Amino acid sequence: MILLTGASASGKTEVAKMLMKKYNIQKVITTTTREKRINEVDGVDYFFVSKQKFEQMINNGEFVEYTLFNGNLYGSTKAQIGNEKCLVIDPVGLKSYLTLNNNKIITFILEADEETRIARMKLRGDNPEKIESRIKNDRIAFKKENIPEVDYHIDSSSNSTIEEITDLIYKIYLEESKKRK
């Protein structure tokens, strides 16, 4: 299983989509209370639910982990976890998965400078106030002391395309999977 983390607009969601498209790695579809963006599809990008429904799922014990991030709840359900899958996750959720001590989980952090991430958020049409809020929140959430040890750090602000970054992550995943059997 591939776990991807990174600050807002670091490329993690696009890499997950490319892993699915190019390598048939299934993206774990997480559940969220955030508003659906233009062109997002419920049940494909996320399971979009109300805060009340999310809280009901917590009470039913349906989540492996869940967290509050940028004012919205996000969680991965037990039903979505499995081999040959990719999960986009925040640092707190990553810590939860690392406690599983599963040597088949390979962790990556995509790192991009603030300037690049702001430009990406503007390009995708994010609201300027939300951009400012996300950057502010990311400065705290992605401080070095808040990030658990990951297997690989990937620079996603370089001149590499999303496809090149995806190819690199998949190559590492295959190599690590062979070593960890």
N, C-alpha and C. Protein backbone atom coordinates (compact mmCIF):
# COMPACT_ATOMS: atom_id res chain seq x y z
N MET A 1 0.84 -1.17 0.00
CA MET A 1 0.00 0.00 0.00
C MET A 1 0.89 1.24 0.00
N ILE A 2 0.50 2.22 -0.79
CA ILE A 2 1.24 3.48 -0.88
C ILE A 2 0.49 4.53 -0.08
N LEU A 3 1.18 5.18 0.85
CA LEU A 3 0.60 6.31 1.57
C LEU A 3 1.31 7.57 1.10
N LEU A 4 0.52 8.56 0.66
CA LEU A 4 1.05 9.84 0.19
C LEU A 4 0.60 10.95 1.12
N THR A 5 1.52 11.78 1.55
CA THR A 5 1.17 12.97 2.31
C THR A 5 1.90 14.15 1.71
N GLY A 6 1.43 15.32 2.05
CA GLY A 6 2.04 16.55 1.58
C GLY A 6 1.09 17.70 1.81
N ALA A 7 1.64 18.90 1.84
CA ALA A 7 0.83 20.10 2.06
C ALA A 7 -0.14 20.31 0.89
N SER A 8 -1.07 21.23 1.07
CA SER A 8 -2.04 21.56 0.02
C SER A 8 -1.33 21.89 -1.28
N ALA A 9 -1.81 21.31 -2.37
CA ALA A 9 -1.30 21.54 -3.72
C ALA A 9 0.14 21.07 -3.92
N SER A 10 0.54 20.05 -3.17
CA SER A 10 1.88 19.47 -3.36
C SER A 10 1.88 18.43 -4.47
N GLY A 11 0.70 18.04 -4.94
CA GLY A 11 0.60 17.09 -6.04
C GLY A 11 0.14 15.70 -5.64
N LYS A 12 -0.10 15.48 -4.37
CA LYS A 12 -0.41 14.12 -3.89
C LYS A 12 -1.68 13.53 -4.51
N THR A 13 -2.72 14.33 -4.66
CA THR A 13 -3.96 13.82 -5.23
C THR A 13 -3.79 13.50 -6.72
N GLU A 14 -3.07 14.35 -7.43
CA GLU A 14 -2.83 14.11 -8.86
C GLU A 14 -1.96 12.87 -9.06
N VAL A 15 -0.97 12.67 -8.18
CA VAL A 15 -0.14 11.46 -8.26
C VAL A 15 -1.01 10.22 -8.02
N ALA A 16 -1.88 10.29 -7.03
CA ALA A 16 -2.76 9.16 -6.74
C ALA A 16 -3.63 8.83 -7.96
N LYS A 17 -4.16 9.85 -8.61
CA LYS A 17 -4.97 9.64 -9.82
C LYS A 17 -4.15 9.01 -10.93
N MET A 18 -2.91 9.47 -11.10
CA MET A 18 -2.04 8.93 -12.15
C MET A 18 -1.64 7.49 -11.84
N LEU A 19 -1.40 7.16 -10.57
CA LEU A 19 -1.10 5.78 -10.20
C LEU A 19 -2.25 4.86 -10.58
N MET A 20 -3.46 5.35 -10.38
CA MET A 20 -4.64 4.56 -10.72
C MET A 20 -4.76 4.39 -12.23
N LYS A 21 -4.59 5.47 -12.95
CA LYS A 21 -4.77 5.45 -14.40
C LYS A 21 -3.68 4.66 -15.11
N LYS A 22 -2.44 4.91 -14.73
CA LYS A 22 -1.31 4.33 -15.46
C LYS A 22 -0.91 2.95 -14.97
N TYR A 23 -1.05 2.71 -13.66
CA TYR A 23 -0.54 1.46 -13.07
C TYR A 23 -1.62 0.60 -12.40
N ASN A 24 -2.87 1.01 -12.52
CA ASN A 24 -3.98 0.25 -11.95
C ASN A 24 -3.89 0.09 -10.44
N ILE A 25 -3.21 1.04 -9.78
CA ILE A 25 -3.22 1.08 -8.32
C ILE A 25 -4.52 1.76 -7.93
N GLN A 26 -5.28 1.13 -7.06
CA GLN A 26 -6.57 1.71 -6.67
C GLN A 26 -6.36 2.77 -5.61
N LYS A 27 -7.01 3.90 -5.79
CA LYS A 27 -6.96 4.97 -4.80
C LYS A 27 -7.97 4.65 -3.71
N VAL A 28 -7.51 4.68 -2.47
CA VAL A 28 -8.44 4.55 -1.36
C VAL A 28 -9.29 5.82 -1.38
N ILE A 29 -10.57 5.65 -1.43
CA ILE A 29 -11.46 6.80 -1.46
C ILE A 29 -11.81 7.15 -0.02
N THR A 30 -11.39 8.33 0.38
CA THR A 30 -11.65 8.76 1.74
C THR A 30 -12.98 9.49 1.82
N THR A 31 -13.45 9.62 3.02
CA THR A 31 -14.72 10.29 3.29
C THR A 31 -14.41 11.67 3.84
N THR A 32 -15.16 12.68 3.40
CA THR A 32 -14.92 14.03 3.88
C THR A 32 -16.22 14.81 4.02
N THR A 33 -16.13 15.84 4.87
CA THR A 33 -17.25 16.77 5.03
C THR A 33 -17.03 18.05 4.23
N ARG A 34 -15.91 18.15 3.52
CA ARG A 34 -15.65 19.39 2.77
C ARG A 34 -16.53 19.48 1.54
N GLU A 35 -16.71 20.70 1.06
CA GLU A 35 -17.52 20.94 -0.13
C GLU A 35 -16.86 20.31 -1.36
N LYS A 36 -17.67 19.78 -2.23
CA LYS A 36 -17.18 19.20 -3.47
C LYS A 36 -16.72 20.33 -4.39
N ARG A 37 -15.53 20.18 -4.99
CA ARG A 37 -15.04 21.16 -5.96
C ARG A 37 -15.63 20.87 -7.34
N ILE A 38 -15.55 21.86 -8.20
CA ILE A 38 -16.00 21.68 -9.58
C ILE A 38 -15.25 20.49 -10.18
N ASN A 39 -15.95 19.65 -10.90
CA ASN A 39 -15.42 18.46 -11.58
C ASN A 39 -15.11 17.28 -10.65
N GLU A 40 -15.31 17.42 -9.34
CA GLU A 40 -15.13 16.26 -8.46
C GLU A 40 -16.40 15.41 -8.49
N VAL A 41 -16.21 14.10 -8.31
CA VAL A 41 -17.33 13.17 -8.36
C VAL A 41 -17.40 12.40 -7.05
N ASP A 42 -18.59 12.39 -6.45
CA ASP A 42 -18.80 11.64 -5.22
C ASP A 42 -18.59 10.16 -5.49
N GLY A 43 -17.83 9.50 -4.63
CA GLY A 43 -17.55 8.08 -4.80
C GLY A 43 -16.36 7.80 -5.70
N VAL A 44 -15.79 8.84 -6.29
CA VAL A 44 -14.59 8.71 -7.13
C VAL A 44 -13.45 9.49 -6.49
N ASP A 45 -13.67 10.79 -6.25
CA ASP A 45 -12.65 11.62 -5.63
C ASP A 45 -12.67 11.48 -4.11
N TYR A 46 -13.85 11.53 -3.53
CA TYR A 46 -14.12 11.35 -2.10
C TYR A 46 -15.53 10.82 -1.97
N PHE A 47 -15.85 10.36 -0.77
CA PHE A 47 -17.25 10.18 -0.39
C PHE A 47 -17.59 11.46 0.37
N PHE A 48 -18.43 12.30 -0.21
CA PHE A 48 -18.82 13.57 0.40
C PHE A 48 -20.04 13.33 1.28
N VAL A 49 -19.90 13.62 2.58
CA VAL A 49 -21.00 13.41 3.52
C VAL A 49 -21.16 14.63 4.41
N SER A 50 -22.29 14.71 5.06
CA SER A 50 -22.53 15.79 6.02
C SER A 50 -21.72 15.52 7.29
N LYS A 51 -21.56 16.55 8.09
CA LYS A 51 -20.86 16.39 9.37
C LYS A 51 -21.62 15.40 10.25
N GLN A 52 -22.95 15.46 10.22
CA GLN A 52 -23.77 14.55 11.02
C GLN A 52 -23.53 13.09 10.60
N LYS A 53 -23.50 12.82 9.30
CA LYS A 53 -23.26 11.46 8.80
C LYS A 53 -21.86 10.99 9.19
N PHE A 54 -20.86 11.88 9.08
CA PHE A 54 -19.49 11.54 9.43
C PHE A 54 -19.42 11.14 10.91
N GLU A 55 -20.05 11.93 11.76
CA GLU A 55 -20.06 11.63 13.21
C GLU A 55 -20.75 10.30 13.50
N GLN A 56 -21.79 9.99 12.74
CA GLN A 56 -22.47 8.70 12.89
C GLN A 56 -21.51 7.56 12.52
N MET A 57 -20.73 7.75 11.46
CA MET A 57 -19.75 6.73 11.04
C MET A 57 -18.67 6.54 12.11
N ILE A 58 -18.26 7.62 12.75
CA ILE A 58 -17.29 7.51 13.85
C ILE A 58 -17.89 6.65 14.96
N ASN A 59 -19.12 6.95 15.35
CA ASN A 59 -19.79 6.20 16.42
C ASN A 59 -19.98 4.73 16.07
N ASN A 60 -20.10 4.43 14.78
CA ASN A 60 -20.26 3.04 14.33
C ASN A 60 -18.92 2.31 14.19
N GLY A 61 -17.80 3.00 14.44
CA GLY A 61 -16.48 2.38 14.35
C GLY A 61 -16.05 2.06 12.92
N GLU A 62 -16.50 2.84 11.94
CA GLU A 62 -16.21 2.55 10.54
C GLU A 62 -14.85 3.03 10.06
N PHE A 63 -14.18 3.91 10.81
CA PHE A 63 -12.92 4.48 10.35
C PHE A 63 -11.68 3.80 10.92
N VAL A 64 -10.66 3.69 10.08
CA VAL A 64 -9.32 3.31 10.56
C VAL A 64 -8.73 4.53 11.26
N GLU A 65 -8.93 5.68 10.64
CA GLU A 65 -8.46 6.95 11.19
C GLU A 65 -9.33 8.06 10.62
N TYR A 66 -9.35 9.17 11.34
CA TYR A 66 -10.03 10.36 10.83
C TYR A 66 -9.39 11.57 11.49
N THR A 67 -9.57 12.72 10.85
CA THR A 67 -8.95 13.93 11.36
C THR A 67 -9.70 15.15 10.90
N LEU A 68 -9.46 16.25 11.58
CA LEU A 68 -9.95 17.55 11.18
C LEU A 68 -8.80 18.26 10.48
N PHE A 69 -9.00 18.66 9.23
CA PHE A 69 -7.94 19.31 8.45
C PHE A 69 -8.54 20.47 7.68
N ASN A 70 -7.97 21.64 7.85
CA ASN A 70 -8.46 22.85 7.18
C ASN A 70 -9.97 23.04 7.39
N GLY A 71 -10.44 22.73 8.59
CA GLY A 71 -11.84 22.97 8.94
C GLY A 71 -12.81 21.90 8.50
N ASN A 72 -12.33 20.81 7.90
CA ASN A 72 -13.20 19.73 7.44
C ASN A 72 -12.73 18.40 8.01
N LEU A 73 -13.66 17.46 8.17
CA LEU A 73 -13.33 16.11 8.62
C LEU A 73 -12.98 15.24 7.43
N TYR A 74 -11.94 14.43 7.60
CA TYR A 74 -11.49 13.47 6.59
C TYR A 74 -11.24 12.15 7.31
N GLY A 75 -11.56 11.03 6.65
CA GLY A 75 -11.27 9.74 7.25
C GLY A 75 -11.24 8.62 6.23
N SER A 76 -10.51 7.58 6.57
CA SER A 76 -10.48 6.39 5.71
C SER A 76 -11.20 5.27 6.45
N THR A 77 -12.12 4.66 5.73
CA THR A 77 -12.92 3.60 6.34
C THR A 77 -12.21 2.26 6.21
N LYS A 78 -12.53 1.38 7.11
CA LYS A 78 -11.97 0.03 7.10
C LYS A 78 -12.29 -0.67 5.78
N ALA A 79 -13.45 -0.39 5.23
CA ALA A 79 -13.89 -1.03 3.98
C ALA A 79 -13.01 -0.66 2.78
N GLN A 80 -12.27 0.44 2.86
CA GLN A 80 -11.47 0.91 1.73
C GLN A 80 -10.00 0.48 1.78
N ILE A 81 -9.57 -0.11 2.86
CA ILE A 81 -8.15 -0.42 3.02
C ILE A 81 -7.82 -1.77 2.40
N GLY A 82 -6.66 -1.84 1.71
CA GLY A 82 -6.25 -3.10 1.12
C GLY A 82 -4.93 -2.99 0.38
N ASN A 83 -4.47 -4.12 -0.16
CA ASN A 83 -3.23 -4.16 -0.93
C ASN A 83 -3.43 -3.50 -2.29
N GLU A 84 -2.31 -3.12 -2.91
CA GLU A 84 -2.33 -2.50 -4.24
C GLU A 84 -3.20 -1.26 -4.27
N LYS A 85 -3.18 -0.51 -3.17
CA LYS A 85 -3.97 0.71 -3.07
C LYS A 85 -3.08 1.87 -2.67
N CYS A 86 -3.60 3.06 -2.91
CA CYS A 86 -2.90 4.29 -2.58
C CYS A 86 -3.83 5.16 -1.74
N LEU A 87 -3.29 5.75 -0.70
CA LEU A 87 -4.07 6.61 0.17
C LEU A 87 -3.38 7.95 0.33
N VAL A 88 -4.13 9.01 0.10
CA VAL A 88 -3.67 10.37 0.35
C VAL A 88 -4.10 10.72 1.77
N ILE A 89 -3.13 11.14 2.60
CA ILE A 89 -3.41 11.28 4.03
C ILE A 89 -2.63 12.45 4.63
N ASP A 90 -3.13 12.99 5.73
CA ASP A 90 -2.43 14.07 6.43
C ASP A 90 -1.46 13.48 7.46
N PRO A 91 -0.60 14.31 8.07
CA PRO A 91 0.39 13.78 9.01
C PRO A 91 -0.19 13.03 10.20
N VAL A 92 -1.31 13.48 10.73
CA VAL A 92 -1.92 12.80 11.87
C VAL A 92 -2.40 11.41 11.46
N GLY A 93 -3.06 11.33 10.32
CA GLY A 93 -3.53 10.04 9.81
C GLY A 93 -2.37 9.11 9.50
N LEU A 94 -1.30 9.69 8.97
CA LEU A 94 -0.11 8.91 8.67
C LEU A 94 0.42 8.24 9.93
N LYS A 95 0.43 8.98 11.02
CA LYS A 95 0.88 8.42 12.31
C LYS A 95 0.04 7.21 12.70
N SER A 96 -1.27 7.29 12.46
CA SER A 96 -2.17 6.17 12.78
C SER A 96 -1.80 4.92 11.99
N TYR A 97 -1.53 5.10 10.70
CA TYR A 97 -1.17 3.95 9.86
C TYR A 97 0.18 3.37 10.25
N LEU A 98 1.10 4.22 10.66
CA LEU A 98 2.42 3.73 11.04
C LEU A 98 2.36 2.88 12.30
N THR A 99 1.36 3.10 13.15
CA THR A 99 1.22 2.27 14.35
C THR A 99 0.78 0.84 14.01
N LEU A 100 0.31 0.63 12.78
CA LEU A 100 -0.09 -0.71 12.37
C LEU A 100 1.11 -1.64 12.21
N ASN A 101 2.32 -1.04 12.10
CA ASN A 101 3.55 -1.81 11.91
C ASN A 101 3.44 -2.81 10.76
N ASN A 102 2.85 -2.36 9.69
CA ASN A 102 2.68 -3.20 8.50
C ASN A 102 3.81 -2.87 7.53
N ASN A 103 4.72 -3.81 7.32
CA ASN A 103 5.88 -3.53 6.46
C ASN A 103 5.52 -3.43 4.98
N LYS A 104 4.26 -3.66 4.64
CA LYS A 104 3.84 -3.52 3.24
C LYS A 104 3.33 -2.11 2.93
N ILE A 105 3.30 -1.25 3.94
CA ILE A 105 2.90 0.14 3.75
C ILE A 105 4.16 0.96 3.47
N ILE A 106 4.18 1.62 2.31
CA ILE A 106 5.33 2.42 1.90
C ILE A 106 4.88 3.88 1.89
N THR A 107 5.62 4.72 2.62
CA THR A 107 5.17 6.09 2.83
C THR A 107 6.03 7.10 2.06
N PHE A 108 5.34 8.10 1.52
CA PHE A 108 5.97 9.16 0.74
C PHE A 108 5.43 10.51 1.20
N ILE A 109 6.29 11.53 1.21
CA ILE A 109 5.83 12.90 1.38
C ILE A 109 6.23 13.68 0.14
N LEU A 110 5.25 14.36 -0.44
CA LEU A 110 5.53 15.23 -1.59
C LEU A 110 5.75 16.64 -1.05
N GLU A 111 6.88 17.20 -1.40
CA GLU A 111 7.26 18.50 -0.87
C GLU A 111 7.37 19.51 -2.00
N ALA A 112 6.71 20.65 -1.83
CA ALA A 112 6.76 21.75 -2.79
C ALA A 112 6.82 23.05 -2.00
N ASP A 113 7.55 24.03 -2.52
CA ASP A 113 7.65 25.31 -1.83
C ASP A 113 6.31 26.04 -1.86
N GLU A 114 6.14 26.99 -0.94
CA GLU A 114 4.88 27.73 -0.82
C GLU A 114 4.50 28.45 -2.10
N GLU A 115 5.45 29.08 -2.73
CA GLU A 115 5.18 29.83 -3.96
C GLU A 115 4.56 28.93 -5.03
N THR A 116 5.13 27.76 -5.21
CA THR A 116 4.60 26.79 -6.19
C THR A 116 3.19 26.35 -5.80
N ARG A 117 2.99 26.06 -4.53
CA ARG A 117 1.67 25.59 -4.08
C ARG A 117 0.61 26.67 -4.21
N ILE A 118 0.95 27.90 -3.90
CA ILE A 118 -0.01 29.00 -4.06
C ILE A 118 -0.39 29.15 -5.54
N ALA A 119 0.59 29.10 -6.42
CA ALA A 119 0.32 29.20 -7.87
C ALA A 119 -0.59 28.07 -8.33
N ARG A 120 -0.37 26.87 -7.84
CA ARG A 120 -1.21 25.73 -8.22
C ARG A 120 -2.65 25.91 -7.74
N MET A 121 -2.81 26.39 -6.50
CA MET A 121 -4.16 26.60 -5.97
C MET A 121 -4.90 27.68 -6.76
N LYS A 122 -4.19 28.74 -7.13
CA LYS A 122 -4.80 29.79 -7.95
C LYS A 122 -5.21 29.23 -9.31
N LEU A 123 -4.33 28.42 -9.89
CA LEU A 123 -4.60 27.83 -11.21
C LEU A 123 -5.84 26.93 -11.19
N ARG A 124 -6.05 26.22 -10.11
CA ARG A 124 -7.22 25.34 -10.04
C ARG A 124 -8.48 26.08 -9.58
N GLY A 125 -8.35 27.37 -9.32
CA GLY A 125 -9.52 28.19 -9.03
C GLY A 125 -9.93 28.27 -7.58
N ASP A 126 -9.01 27.96 -6.66
CA ASP A 126 -9.34 28.05 -5.24
C ASP A 126 -9.59 29.50 -4.83
N ASN A 127 -10.47 29.69 -3.90
CA ASN A 127 -10.81 30.99 -3.34
C ASN A 127 -9.58 31.58 -2.64
N PRO A 128 -9.25 32.87 -2.87
CA PRO A 128 -8.06 33.48 -2.25
C PRO A 128 -8.01 33.36 -0.73
N GLU A 129 -9.17 33.49 -0.06
CA GLU A 129 -9.19 33.35 1.40
C GLU A 129 -8.86 31.91 1.81
N LYS A 130 -9.37 30.95 1.04
CA LYS A 130 -9.07 29.54 1.34
C LYS A 130 -7.60 29.23 1.11
N ILE A 131 -7.03 29.82 0.07
CA ILE A 131 -5.61 29.62 -0.20
C ILE A 131 -4.79 30.11 1.00
N GLU A 132 -5.09 31.31 1.45
CA GLU A 132 -4.36 31.88 2.59
C GLU A 132 -4.52 31.01 3.83
N SER A 133 -5.74 30.55 4.07
CA SER A 133 -6.02 29.70 5.22
C SER A 133 -5.27 28.37 5.13
N ARG A 134 -5.26 27.77 3.94
CA ARG A 134 -4.59 26.47 3.77
C ARG A 134 -3.09 26.61 3.97
N ILE A 135 -2.52 27.67 3.42
CA ILE A 135 -1.08 27.89 3.58
C ILE A 135 -0.75 28.07 5.06
N LYS A 136 -1.55 28.87 5.74
CA LYS A 136 -1.34 29.12 7.18
C LYS A 136 -1.42 27.81 7.97
N ASN A 137 -2.47 27.01 7.70
CA ASN A 137 -2.63 25.73 8.39
C ASN A 137 -1.50 24.75 8.07
N ASP A 138 -1.08 24.75 6.80
CA ASP A 138 0.01 23.85 6.39
C ASP A 138 1.33 24.18 7.07
N ARG A 139 1.56 25.46 7.34
CA ARG A 139 2.80 25.86 8.04
C ARG A 139 2.90 25.17 9.39
N ILE A 140 1.77 24.91 10.02
CA ILE A 140 1.76 24.23 11.32
C ILE A 140 1.75 22.71 11.12
N ALA A 141 0.81 22.22 10.32
CA ALA A 141 0.63 20.77 10.14
C ALA A 141 1.88 20.10 9.56
N PHE A 142 2.62 20.81 8.71
CA PHE A 142 3.76 20.21 8.03
C PHE A 142 5.12 20.70 8.55
N LYS A 143 5.12 21.21 9.80
CA LYS A 143 6.40 21.49 10.45
C LYS A 143 7.13 20.16 10.59
N LYS A 144 8.44 20.22 10.49
CA LYS A 144 9.22 18.97 10.56
C LYS A 144 8.87 18.13 11.79
N GLU A 145 8.68 18.77 12.94
CA GLU A 145 8.39 18.00 14.16
C GLU A 145 7.00 17.37 14.15
N ASN A 146 6.12 17.77 13.24
CA ASN A 146 4.78 17.20 13.16
C ASN A 146 4.67 16.08 12.12
N ILE A 147 5.75 15.85 11.39
CA ILE A 147 5.73 14.83 10.34
C ILE A 147 6.42 13.57 10.86
N PRO A 148 5.70 12.46 10.87
CA PRO A 148 6.37 11.21 11.27
C PRO A 148 7.41 10.82 10.21
N GLU A 149 8.28 9.95 10.58
CA GLU A 149 9.30 9.50 9.64
C GLU A 149 8.63 8.76 8.49
N VAL A 150 8.93 9.20 7.27
CA VAL A 150 8.40 8.55 6.08
C VAL A 150 9.53 7.84 5.36
N ASP A 151 9.16 6.91 4.49
CA ASP A 151 10.18 6.16 3.75
C ASP A 151 10.88 7.04 2.71
N TYR A 152 10.12 7.90 2.02
CA TYR A 152 10.69 8.69 0.92
C TYR A 152 10.16 10.12 0.89
N HIS A 153 11.07 11.05 0.64
CA HIS A 153 10.73 12.46 0.41
C HIS A 153 10.87 12.72 -1.09
N ILE A 154 9.83 13.26 -1.70
CA ILE A 154 9.83 13.52 -3.14
C ILE A 154 9.62 15.02 -3.36
N ASP A 155 10.52 15.66 -4.10
CA ASP A 155 10.38 17.08 -4.43
C ASP A 155 9.41 17.22 -5.60
N SER A 156 8.23 17.79 -5.32
CA SER A 156 7.24 17.94 -6.38
C SER A 156 7.18 19.37 -6.92
N SER A 157 8.10 20.23 -6.48
CA SER A 157 8.12 21.59 -7.01
C SER A 157 9.18 21.75 -8.08
N SER A 158 9.88 20.67 -8.36
CA SER A 158 10.93 20.70 -9.38
C SER A 158 10.30 20.77 -10.77
N ASN A 159 11.11 20.66 -11.77
CA ASN A 159 10.62 20.70 -13.14
C ASN A 159 10.01 19.37 -13.59
N SER A 160 9.94 18.41 -12.69
CA SER A 160 9.35 17.12 -13.03
C SER A 160 7.85 17.26 -13.21
N THR A 161 7.31 16.50 -14.15
CA THR A 161 5.86 16.49 -14.35
C THR A 161 5.22 15.53 -13.34
N ILE A 162 3.91 15.63 -13.20
CA ILE A 162 3.19 14.69 -12.33
C ILE A 162 3.43 13.26 -12.79
N GLU A 163 3.49 13.05 -14.10
CA GLU A 163 3.73 11.70 -14.61
C GLU A 163 5.12 11.19 -14.21
N GLU A 164 6.13 12.04 -14.29
CA GLU A 164 7.49 11.63 -13.90
C GLU A 164 7.56 11.33 -12.41
N ILE A 165 6.89 12.14 -11.60
CA ILE A 165 6.86 11.91 -10.15
C ILE A 165 6.13 10.60 -9.86
N THR A 166 5.03 10.37 -10.56
CA THR A 166 4.26 9.13 -10.40
C THR A 166 5.10 7.92 -10.79
N ASP A 167 5.81 8.01 -11.91
CA ASP A 167 6.67 6.90 -12.35
C ASP A 167 7.73 6.59 -11.30
N LEU A 168 8.32 7.63 -10.72
CA LEU A 168 9.34 7.45 -9.68
C LEU A 168 8.74 6.76 -8.47
N ILE A 169 7.59 7.22 -8.02
CA ILE A 169 6.94 6.62 -6.85
C ILE A 169 6.58 5.17 -7.12
N TYR A 170 6.06 4.87 -8.30
CA TYR A 170 5.70 3.49 -8.63
C TYR A 170 6.94 2.60 -8.69
N LYS A 171 8.01 3.10 -9.27
CA LYS A 171 9.26 2.33 -9.34
C LYS A 171 9.76 2.01 -7.92
N ILE A 172 9.75 3.01 -7.05
CA ILE A 172 10.17 2.79 -5.65
C ILE A 172 9.24 1.78 -4.98
N TYR A 173 7.94 1.93 -5.22
CA TYR A 173 6.96 1.02 -4.63
C TYR A 173 7.23 -0.43 -5.03
N LEU A 174 7.48 -0.67 -6.31
CA LEU A 174 7.77 -2.02 -6.77
C LEU A 174 9.04 -2.58 -6.13
N GLU A 175 10.10 -1.76 -6.09
CA GLU A 175 11.37 -2.20 -5.49
C GLU A 175 11.19 -2.51 -4.01
N GLU A 176 10.51 -1.63 -3.30
CA GLU A 176 10.30 -1.83 -1.86
C GLU A 176 9.40 -3.05 -1.59
N SER A 177 8.39 -3.22 -2.42
CA SER A 177 7.49 -4.37 -2.24
C SER A 177 8.24 -5.68 -2.36
N LYS A 178 9.18 -5.75 -3.29
CA LYS A 178 9.98 -6.97 -3.47
C LYS A 178 10.87 -7.20 -2.25
N LYS A 179 11.46 -6.14 -1.73
CA LYS A 179 12.35 -6.25 -0.55
C LYS A 179 11.59 -6.68 0.69
N ARG A 180 10.36 -6.25 0.81
CA ARG A 180 9.61 -6.42 2.06
C ARG A 180 8.77 -7.70 2.11
N LYS A 181 8.86 -8.53 1.09
CA LYS A 181 8.07 -9.78 1.09
C LYS A 181 8.60 -10.76 2.07
